[in-house]
PDB file of N, CA and C in Angstrom:
ATOM      1  N   MET A   1      28.814  58.972 -24.436  1.00  0.00           N
ATOM      2  CA  MET A   1      29.845  58.277 -25.177  1.00  0.00           C
ATOM      3  C   MET A   1      30.862  59.313 -25.670  1.00  0.00           C
ATOM      4  N   ALA A   2      32.120  58.959 -25.571  1.00  0.00           N
ATOM      5  CA  ALA A   2      33.187  59.869 -26.000  1.00  0.00           C
ATOM      6  C   ALA A   2      33.995  59.213 -27.123  1.00  0.00           C
ATOM      7  N   LEU A   3      33.462  59.267 -28.321  1.00  0.00           N
ATOM      8  CA  LEU A   3      34.171  58.663 -29.447  1.00  0.00           C
ATOM      9  C   LEU A   3      35.300  59.571 -29.918  1.00  0.00           C
ATOM     10  N   ARG A   4      36.446  58.950 -30.112  1.00  0.00           N
ATOM     11  CA  ARG A   4      37.594  59.666 -30.657  1.00  0.00           C
ATOM     12  C   ARG A   4      37.928  59.054 -32.009  1.00  0.00           C
ATOM     13  N   PHE A   5      37.823  59.840 -33.053  1.00  0.00           N
ATOM     14  CA  PHE A   5      38.094  59.362 -34.410  1.00  0.00           C
ATOM     15  C   PHE A   5      39.576  59.060 -34.550  1.00  0.00           C
ATOM     16  N   ILE A   6      39.888  57.860 -35.091  1.00  0.00           N
ATOM     17  CA  ILE A   6      41.281  57.448 -35.275  1.00  0.00           C
ATOM     18  C   ILE A   6      41.677  57.516 -36.743  1.00  0.00           C
ATOM     19  N   GLY A   7      40.852  56.957 -37.628  1.00  0.00           N
ATOM     20  CA  GLY A   7      41.241  56.990 -39.027  1.00  0.00           C
ATOM     21  C   GLY A   7      40.184  56.442 -39.958  1.00  0.00           C
ATOM     22  N   ILE A   8      40.449  56.667 -41.244  1.00  0.00           N
ATOM     23  CA  ILE A   8      39.545  56.286 -42.318  1.00  0.00           C
ATOM     24  C   ILE A   8      40.345  55.506 -43.350  1.00  0.00           C
ATOM     25  N   ASP A   9      39.678  54.652 -44.082  1.00  0.00           N
ATOM     26  CA  ASP A   9      40.317  53.886 -45.155  1.00  0.00           C
ATOM     27  C   ASP A   9      41.088  54.852 -46.059  1.00  0.00           C
ATOM     28  N   PRO A  10      42.402  54.673 -46.201  1.00  0.00           N
ATOM     29  CA  PRO A  10      43.187  55.618 -46.988  1.00  0.00           C
ATOM     30  C   PRO A  10      42.868  55.606 -48.483  1.00  0.00           C
ATOM     31  N   ASP A  11      42.194  54.571 -48.956  1.00  0.00           N
ATOM     32  CA  ASP A  11      41.830  54.488 -50.376  1.00  0.00           C
ATOM     33  C   ASP A  11      40.357  54.826 -50.586  1.00  0.00           C
ATOM     34  N   THR A  12      39.855  55.814 -49.883  1.00  0.00           N
ATOM     35  CA  THR A  12      38.433  56.100 -49.907  1.00  0.00           C
ATOM     36  C   THR A  12      38.118  57.428 -50.568  1.00  0.00           C
ATOM     37  N   ASP A  13      36.841  57.583 -50.887  1.00  0.00           N
ATOM     38  CA  ASP A  13      36.353  58.876 -51.368  1.00  0.00           C
ATOM     39  C   ASP A  13      35.764  59.668 -50.197  1.00  0.00           C
ATOM     40  N   GLU A  14      35.893  59.156 -49.001  1.00  0.00           N
ATOM     41  CA  GLU A  14      35.453  59.764 -47.741  1.00  0.00           C
ATOM     42  C   GLU A  14      33.941  59.882 -47.604  1.00  0.00           C
ATOM     43  N   LYS A  15      33.182  59.094 -48.348  1.00  0.00           N
ATOM     44  CA  LYS A  15      31.724  59.091 -48.193  1.00  0.00           C
ATOM     45  C   LYS A  15      31.327  57.945 -47.272  1.00  0.00           C
ATOM     46  N   ASN A  16      31.093  56.779 -47.834  1.00  0.00           N
ATOM     47  CA  ASN A  16      30.669  55.608 -47.071  1.00  0.00           C
ATOM     48  C   ASN A  16      31.798  54.600 -47.070  1.00  0.00           C
ATOM     49  N   CYS A  17      32.601  54.641 -46.041  1.00  0.00           N
ATOM     50  CA  CYS A  17      33.800  53.816 -46.065  1.00  0.00           C
ATOM     51  C   CYS A  17      34.174  53.365 -44.661  1.00  0.00           C
ATOM     52  N   PRO A  18      35.072  52.392 -44.583  1.00  0.00           N
ATOM     53  CA  PRO A  18      35.520  51.930 -43.267  1.00  0.00           C
ATOM     54  C   PRO A  18      36.203  53.047 -42.476  1.00  0.00           C
ATOM     55  N   ARG A  19      35.853  53.099 -41.192  1.00  0.00           N
ATOM     56  CA  ARG A  19      36.431  54.073 -40.259  1.00  0.00           C
ATOM     57  C   ARG A  19      36.649  53.381 -38.921  1.00  0.00           C
ATOM     58  N   VAL A  20      37.507  53.958 -38.101  1.00  0.00           N
ATOM     59  CA  VAL A  20      37.809  53.402 -36.789  1.00  0.00           C
ATOM     60  C   VAL A  20      37.773  54.523 -35.750  1.00  0.00           C
ATOM     61  N   TRP A  21      37.139  54.241 -34.613  1.00  0.00           N
ATOM     62  CA  TRP A  21      37.090  55.155 -33.475  1.00  0.00           C
ATOM     63  C   TRP A  21      37.508  54.406 -32.217  1.00  0.00           C
ATOM     64  N   VAL A  22      37.804  55.157 -31.179  1.00  0.00           N
ATOM     65  CA  VAL A  22      38.030  54.622 -29.839  1.00  0.00           C
ATOM     66  C   VAL A  22      36.989  55.264 -28.930  1.00  0.00           C
ATOM     67  N   ASP A  23      36.317  54.441 -28.132  1.00  0.00           N
ATOM     68  CA  ASP A  23      35.414  54.949 -27.105  1.00  0.00           C
ATOM     69  C   ASP A  23      36.222  54.983 -25.812  1.00  0.00           C
ATOM     70  N   ASP A  24      36.664  56.170 -25.421  1.00  0.00           N
ATOM     71  CA  ASP A  24      37.529  56.310 -24.249  1.00  0.00           C
ATOM     72  C   ASP A  24      36.821  55.977 -22.943  1.00  0.00           C
ATOM     73  N   GLU A  25      35.526  56.209 -22.875  1.00  0.00           N
ATOM     74  CA  GLU A  25      34.783  55.914 -21.644  1.00  0.00           C
ATOM     75  C   GLU A  25      34.598  54.415 -21.444  1.00  0.00           C
ATOM     76  N   LYS A  26      34.169  53.727 -22.492  1.00  0.00           N
ATOM     77  CA  LYS A  26      33.899  52.294 -22.389  1.00  0.00           C
ATOM     78  C   LYS A  26      35.128  51.433 -22.661  1.00  0.00           C
ATOM     79  N   LYS A  27      36.219  52.059 -23.129  1.00  0.00           N
ATOM     80  CA  LYS A  27      37.447  51.336 -23.467  1.00  0.00           C
ATOM     81  C   LYS A  27      37.162  50.282 -24.530  1.00  0.00           C
ATOM     82  N   GLU A  28      36.561  50.740 -25.638  1.00  0.00           N
ATOM     83  CA  GLU A  28      36.214  49.851 -26.754  1.00  0.00           C
ATOM     84  C   GLU A  28      36.665  50.461 -28.072  1.00  0.00           C
ATOM     85  N   LEU A  29      36.935  49.583 -29.028  1.00  0.00           N
ATOM     86  CA  LEU A  29      37.178  50.001 -30.399  1.00  0.00           C
ATOM     87  C   LEU A  29      35.850  49.977 -31.131  1.00  0.00           C
ATOM     88  N   VAL A  30      35.617  50.942 -32.009  1.00  0.00           N
ATOM     89  CA  VAL A  30      34.364  51.024 -32.764  1.00  0.00           C
ATOM     90  C   VAL A  30      34.722  51.042 -34.247  1.00  0.00           C
ATOM     91  N   PHE A  31      34.063  50.181 -35.016  1.00  0.00           N
ATOM     92  CA  PHE A  31      34.378  50.027 -36.437  1.00  0.00           C
ATOM     93  C   PHE A  31      33.165  50.309 -37.304  1.00  0.00           C
ATOM     94  N   GLN A  32      33.412  50.958 -38.417  1.00  0.00           N
ATOM     95  CA  GLN A  32      32.443  51.040 -39.502  1.00  0.00           C
ATOM     96  C   GLN A  32      33.110  50.313 -40.661  1.00  0.00           C
ATOM     97  N   GLY A  33      32.406  49.362 -41.234  1.00  0.00           N
ATOM     98  CA  GLY A  33      32.974  48.607 -42.346  1.00  0.00           C
ATOM     99  C   GLY A  33      31.881  48.126 -43.271  1.00  0.00           C
ATOM    100  N   TRP A  34      32.287  47.329 -44.228  1.00  0.00           N
ATOM    101  CA  TRP A  34      31.309  46.779 -45.162  1.00  0.00           C
ATOM    102  C   TRP A  34      30.596  45.611 -44.499  1.00  0.00           C
ATOM    103  N   LYS A  35      29.287  45.547 -44.668  1.00  0.00           N
ATOM    104  CA  LYS A  35      28.521  44.429 -44.121  1.00  0.00           C
ATOM    105  C   LYS A  35      28.991  43.127 -44.757  1.00  0.00           C
ATOM    106  N   ALA A  36      29.031  42.115 -43.945  1.00  0.00           N
ATOM    107  CA  ALA A  36      29.379  40.791 -44.443  1.00  0.00           C
ATOM    108  C   ALA A  36      28.179  40.201 -45.168  1.00  0.00           C
ATOM    109  N   GLY A  37      28.439  39.444 -46.194  1.00  0.00           N
ATOM    110  CA  GLY A  37      27.379  38.740 -46.895  1.00  0.00           C
ATOM    111  C   GLY A  37      27.019  37.452 -46.169  1.00  0.00           C
ATOM    112  N   GLU A  38      25.968  36.808 -46.640  1.00  0.00           N
ATOM    113  CA  GLU A  38      25.502  35.579 -46.001  1.00  0.00           C
ATOM    114  C   GLU A  38      26.577  34.504 -45.966  1.00  0.00           C
ATOM    115  N   GLU A  39      27.355  34.390 -47.035  1.00  0.00           N
ATOM    116  CA  GLU A  39      28.387  33.359 -47.093  1.00  0.00           C
ATOM    117  C   GLU A  39      29.421  33.547 -45.979  1.00  0.00           C
ATOM    118  N   LEU A  40      29.869  34.781 -45.773  1.00  0.00           N
ATOM    119  CA  LEU A  40      30.839  35.050 -44.713  1.00  0.00           C
ATOM    120  C   LEU A  40      30.203  34.858 -43.340  1.00  0.00           C
ATOM    121  N   GLU A  41      28.969  35.312 -43.180  1.00  0.00           N
ATOM    122  CA  GLU A  41      28.292  35.108 -41.903  1.00  0.00           C
ATOM    123  C   GLU A  41      28.137  33.628 -41.586  1.00  0.00           C
ATOM    124  N   ASP A  42      27.821  32.819 -42.594  1.00  0.00           N
ATOM    125  CA  ASP A  42      27.723  31.373 -42.379  1.00  0.00           C
ATOM    126  C   ASP A  42      29.066  30.795 -41.948  1.00  0.00           C
ATOM    127  N   GLU A  43      30.136  31.278 -42.560  1.00  0.00           N
ATOM    128  CA  GLU A  43      31.471  30.798 -42.187  1.00  0.00           C
ATOM    129  C   GLU A  43      31.782  31.186 -40.738  1.00  0.00           C
ATOM    130  N   VAL A  44      31.411  32.407 -40.346  1.00  0.00           N
ATOM    131  CA  VAL A  44      31.612  32.851 -38.969  1.00  0.00           C
ATOM    132  C   VAL A  44      30.803  31.968 -38.021  1.00  0.00           C
ATOM    133  N   ARG A  45      29.567  31.662 -38.380  1.00  0.00           N
ATOM    134  CA  ARG A  45      28.711  30.814 -37.537  1.00  0.00           C
ATOM    135  C   ARG A  45      29.282  29.411 -37.370  1.00  0.00           C
ATOM    136  N   SER A  46      30.104  28.974 -38.305  1.00  0.00           N
ATOM    137  CA  SER A  46      30.688  27.629 -38.181  1.00  0.00           C
ATOM    138  C   SER A  46      31.666  27.552 -37.004  1.00  0.00           C
ATOM    139  N   THR A  47      32.092  28.723 -36.481  1.00  0.00           N
ATOM    140  CA  THR A  47      32.995  28.736 -35.333  1.00  0.00           C
ATOM    141  C   THR A  47      32.285  29.104 -34.037  1.00  0.00           C
ATOM    142  N   GLY A  48      30.996  29.474 -34.132  1.00  0.00           N
ATOM    143  CA  GLY A  48      30.225  29.841 -32.953  1.00  0.00           C
ATOM    144  C   GLY A  48      29.005  30.647 -33.356  1.00  0.00           C
ATOM    145  N   PRO A  49      28.143  30.945 -32.384  1.00  0.00           N
ATOM    146  CA  PRO A  49      26.902  31.657 -32.696  1.00  0.00           C
ATOM    147  C   PRO A  49      27.146  33.102 -33.123  1.00  0.00           C
ATOM    148  N   LEU A  50      26.211  33.617 -33.882  1.00  0.00           N
ATOM    149  CA  LEU A  50      26.203  35.027 -34.279  1.00  0.00           C
ATOM    150  C   LEU A  50      24.830  35.579 -33.892  1.00  0.00           C
ATOM    151  N   PRO A  51      24.716  36.118 -32.669  1.00  0.00           N
ATOM    152  CA  PRO A  51      23.421  36.610 -32.196  1.00  0.00           C
ATOM    153  C   PRO A  51      22.896  37.756 -33.062  1.00  0.00           C
ATOM    154  N   ASP A  52      21.594  37.945 -33.043  1.00  0.00           N
ATOM    155  CA  ASP A  52      20.963  39.005 -33.831  1.00  0.00           C
ATOM    156  C   ASP A  52      21.471  40.401 -33.470  1.00  0.00           C
ATOM    157  N   TYR A  53      21.951  40.586 -32.256  1.00  0.00           N
ATOM    158  CA  TYR A  53      22.412  41.909 -31.817  1.00  0.00           C
ATOM    159  C   TYR A  53      23.897  42.146 -32.114  1.00  0.00           C
ATOM    160  N   GLU A  54      24.543  41.229 -32.840  1.00  0.00           N
ATOM    161  CA  GLU A  54      25.936  41.396 -33.252  1.00  0.00           C
ATOM    162  C   GLU A  54      26.017  41.421 -34.771  1.00  0.00           C
ATOM    163  N   ALA A  55      27.140  41.932 -35.289  1.00  0.00           N
ATOM    164  CA  ALA A  55      27.316  42.039 -36.731  1.00  0.00           C
ATOM    165  C   ALA A  55      28.744  41.655 -37.106  1.00  0.00           C
ATOM    166  N   VAL A  56      28.913  41.232 -38.325  1.00  0.00           N
ATOM    167  CA  VAL A  56      30.227  40.966 -38.897  1.00  0.00           C
ATOM    168  C   VAL A  56      30.480  42.064 -39.923  1.00  0.00           C
ATOM    169  N   VAL A  57      31.596  42.759 -39.789  1.00  0.00           N
ATOM    170  CA  VAL A  57      31.975  43.783 -40.764  1.00  0.00           C
ATOM    171  C   VAL A  57      33.346  43.436 -41.323  1.00  0.00           C
ATOM    172  N   ARG A  58      33.606  43.940 -42.522  1.00  0.00           N
ATOM    173  CA  ARG A  58      34.882  43.701 -43.184  1.00  0.00           C
ATOM    174  C   ARG A  58      35.700  44.984 -43.172  1.00  0.00           C
ATOM    175  N   ILE A  59      36.980  44.863 -42.830  1.00  0.00           N
ATOM    176  CA  ILE A  59      37.912  45.990 -42.814  1.00  0.00           C
ATOM    177  C   ILE A  59      39.097  45.585 -43.690  1.00  0.00           C
ATOM    178  N   PRO A  60      39.507  46.419 -44.653  1.00  0.00           N
ATOM    179  CA  PRO A  60      40.594  46.035 -45.548  1.00  0.00           C
ATOM    180  C   PRO A  60      41.963  46.045 -44.864  1.00  0.00           C
ATOM    181  N   VAL A  61      42.855  45.216 -45.350  1.00  0.00           N
ATOM    182  CA  VAL A  61      44.198  45.100 -44.793  1.00  0.00           C
ATOM    183  C   VAL A  61      44.953  46.431 -44.849  1.00  0.00           C
ATOM    184  N   ARG A  62      44.615  47.280 -45.794  1.00  0.00           N
ATOM    185  CA  ARG A  62      45.300  48.569 -45.890  1.00  0.00           C
ATOM    186  C   ARG A  62      45.033  49.463 -44.682  1.00  0.00           C
ATOM    187  N   MET A  63      44.102  49.043 -43.803  1.00  0.00           N
ATOM    188  CA  MET A  63      43.803  49.812 -42.596  1.00  0.00           C
ATOM    189  C   MET A  63      44.499  49.261 -41.361  1.00  0.00           C
ATOM    190  N   VAL A  64      45.374  48.285 -41.511  1.00  0.00           N
ATOM    191  CA  VAL A  64      46.051  47.681 -40.363  1.00  0.00           C
ATOM    192  C   VAL A  64      46.759  48.741 -39.522  1.00  0.00           C
ATOM    193  N   HIS A  65      47.438  49.683 -40.155  1.00  0.00           N
ATOM    194  CA  HIS A  65      48.143  50.720 -39.389  1.00  0.00           C
ATOM    195  C   HIS A  65      47.175  51.567 -38.564  1.00  0.00           C
ATOM    196  N   ILE A  66      45.957  51.758 -39.066  1.00  0.00           N
ATOM    197  CA  ILE A  66      44.945  52.514 -38.327  1.00  0.00           C
ATOM    198  C   ILE A  66      44.440  51.690 -37.146  1.00  0.00           C
ATOM    199  N   LEU A  67      44.266  50.387 -37.340  1.00  0.00           N
ATOM    200  CA  LEU A  67      43.840  49.514 -36.245  1.00  0.00           C
ATOM    201  C   LEU A  67      44.903  49.469 -35.147  1.00  0.00           C
ATOM    202  N   ARG A  68      46.173  49.417 -35.549  1.00  0.00           N
ATOM    203  CA  ARG A  68      47.258  49.441 -34.549  1.00  0.00           C
ATOM    204  C   ARG A  68      47.231  50.748 -33.755  1.00  0.00           C
ATOM    205  N   GLU A  69      47.012  51.849 -34.456  1.00  0.00           N
ATOM    206  CA  GLU A  69      46.944  53.147 -33.786  1.00  0.00           C
ATOM    207  C   GLU A  69      45.779  53.168 -32.795  1.00  0.00           C
ATOM    208  N   ALA A  70      44.639  52.596 -33.184  1.00  0.00           N
ATOM    209  CA  ALA A  70      43.481  52.549 -32.294  1.00  0.00           C
ATOM    210  C   ALA A  70      43.772  51.678 -31.070  1.00  0.00           C
ATOM    211  N   CYS A  71      44.437  50.555 -31.280  1.00  0.00           N
ATOM    212  CA  CYS A  71      44.793  49.683 -30.146  1.00  0.00           C
ATOM    213  C   CYS A  71      45.734  50.407 -29.189  1.00  0.00           C
ATOM    214  N   ASP A  72      46.728  51.086 -29.742  1.00  0.00           N
ATOM    215  CA  ASP A  72      47.647  51.858 -28.898  1.00  0.00           C
ATOM    216  C   ASP A  72      46.905  52.968 -28.154  1.00  0.00           C
ATOM    217  N   ALA A  73      45.995  53.634 -28.831  1.00  0.00           N
ATOM    218  CA  ALA A  73      45.253  54.743 -28.226  1.00  0.00           C
ATOM    219  C   ALA A  73      44.408  54.287 -27.047  1.00  0.00           C
ATOM    220  N   ILE A  74      43.809  53.109 -27.156  1.00  0.00           N
ATOM    221  CA  ILE A  74      42.949  52.641 -26.072  1.00  0.00           C
ATOM    222  C   ILE A  74      43.758  52.015 -24.941  1.00  0.00           C
ATOM    223  N   GLU A  75      44.894  51.415 -25.270  1.00  0.00           N
ATOM    224  CA  GLU A  75      45.738  50.814 -24.226  1.00  0.00           C
ATOM    225  C   GLU A  75      46.569  51.857 -23.482  1.00  0.00           C
ATOM    226  N   HIS A  76      46.926  52.930 -24.172  1.00  0.00           N
ATOM    227  CA  HIS A  76      47.807  53.952 -23.598  1.00  0.00           C
ATOM    228  C   HIS A  76      47.231  55.353 -23.836  1.00  0.00           C
ATOM    229  N   PRO A  77      46.065  55.660 -23.226  1.00  0.00           N
ATOM    230  CA  PRO A  77      45.413  56.950 -23.479  1.00  0.00           C
ATOM    231  C   PRO A  77      46.222  58.141 -23.003  1.00  0.00           C
ATOM    232  N   ASP A  78      47.183  57.902 -22.117  1.00  0.00           N
ATOM    233  CA  ASP A  78      47.999  58.991 -21.592  1.00  0.00           C
ATOM    234  C   ASP A  78      49.104  59.446 -22.548  1.00  0.00           C
ATOM    235  N   VAL A  79      49.344  58.667 -23.608  1.00  0.00           N
ATOM    236  CA  VAL A  79      50.358  59.012 -24.590  1.00  0.00           C
ATOM    237  C   VAL A  79      49.720  59.891 -25.656  1.00  0.00           C
ATOM    238  N   VAL A  80      50.186  61.085 -25.809  1.00  0.00           N
ATOM    239  CA  VAL A  80      49.653  62.023 -26.794  1.00  0.00           C
ATOM    240  C   VAL A  80      50.244  61.715 -28.147  1.00  0.00           C
ATOM    241  N   ARG A  81      49.417  61.684 -29.168  1.00  0.00           N
ATOM    242  CA  ARG A  81      49.874  61.388 -30.531  1.00  0.00           C
ATOM    243  C   ARG A  81      49.813  62.647 -31.360  1.00  0.00           C
TER     244      ARG A  81
END
């Protein structure tokens, strides 16, 4: 796996916080976020199944610019940032 770190929650203490990576080999975005509680998971299940091997994580809106950067990085890996 070739994870490329994109960014971290800008309002963090840099310990246990939301982060975003790009897996260049698999062409996937990888997220670390806060675990969803049962209430949110139930709401997610109301739109479809949530298998045991999947998870719901929360990412704050203040990280939108980091998510955009990650999307650009995976769609256009040839563009150097």
